[in-house]
């Protein structure tokens, strides 16, 4: 059984966990309807991708 003999300090623990964080997704603007969308995805409000209608969106 291999137990650590010294306590891991808060500083060392924090340095080890520096890459474990969340980042906000990058967003782009739809050229057709000017809504915010994910890049390289079809727009969910108008259904277009690269000026072509890919998804038929029902208007409520």
Protein backbone atom coordinates (compact mmCIF):
# COMPACT_ATOMS: atom_id res chain seq x y z
CA UNK A 1 0.00 0.00 0.00
CA UNK A 2 1.67 3.22 -1.17
CA UNK A 3 0.47 6.20 0.84
CA UNK A 4 1.87 9.68 0.28
CA UNK A 5 3.92 10.80 3.24
CA UNK A 6 3.50 14.54 2.70
CA UNK A 7 0.32 16.56 2.40
CA UNK A 8 -0.40 18.02 -1.05
CA UNK A 9 -0.62 21.78 -0.63
CA UNK A 10 -3.44 23.89 -2.06
CA UNK A 11 -0.97 25.55 -4.39
CA UNK A 12 0.34 22.29 -5.82
CA UNK A 13 -3.18 20.90 -6.16
CA UNK A 14 -4.27 24.07 -7.98
CA UNK A 15 -1.29 23.91 -10.35
CA UNK A 16 -2.20 20.35 -11.26
CA UNK A 17 -5.81 21.33 -11.98
CA UNK A 18 -5.18 24.45 -14.08
CA UNK A 19 -6.38 22.81 -17.30
CA UNK A 20 -9.64 21.55 -15.75
CA UNK A 21 -11.90 24.49 -16.46
CA UNK A 22 -14.91 25.22 -18.61
CA UNK A 23 -14.76 27.58 -21.53
CA UNK A 24 -17.62 29.35 -23.24
CA UNK A 25 -18.43 28.02 -26.72
CA UNK A 26 -17.41 30.21 -29.62
CA UNK A 27 -20.34 31.76 -31.45
CA UNK A 28 -20.83 33.23 -34.90
CA UNK A 29 -23.58 35.24 -36.60
CA UNK A 30 -25.86 33.76 -39.23
CA UNK A 31 -25.47 35.74 -42.48
CA UNK A 32 -29.14 35.19 -43.40
CA UNK A 33 -31.05 36.12 -40.23
CA UNK A 34 -28.29 37.66 -38.05
CA UNK A 35 -28.99 35.22 -35.18
CA UNK A 36 -26.21 33.81 -33.03
CA UNK A 37 -25.27 30.22 -33.90
CA UNK A 38 -22.47 27.73 -33.44
CA UNK A 39 -19.80 27.91 -36.14
CA UNK A 40 -19.92 25.17 -38.81
CA UNK A 41 -23.52 24.31 -37.83
CA UNK A 42 -26.84 25.00 -39.51
CA UNK A 43 -28.77 27.96 -38.10
CA UNK A 44 -31.63 26.76 -35.92
CA UNK A 45 -33.77 29.84 -36.47
CA UNK A 46 -33.78 29.96 -40.29
CA UNK A 47 -32.38 26.49 -41.16
CA UNK A 48 -29.65 27.63 -43.56
CA UNK A 49 -26.02 26.59 -43.91
CA UNK A 50 -23.76 28.23 -46.51
CA UNK A 51 -26.76 30.09 -48.03
CA UNK A 52 -28.71 26.85 -48.62
CA UNK A 53 -31.78 25.76 -46.73
CA UNK A 54 -30.83 22.54 -44.98
CA UNK A 55 -33.51 22.30 -42.28
CA UNK A 56 -37.16 23.20 -42.76
CA UNK A 57 -38.08 25.35 -39.77
CA UNK A 58 -41.70 25.74 -38.75
CA UNK A 59 -42.73 29.27 -37.85
CA UNK A 60 -44.73 29.43 -34.63
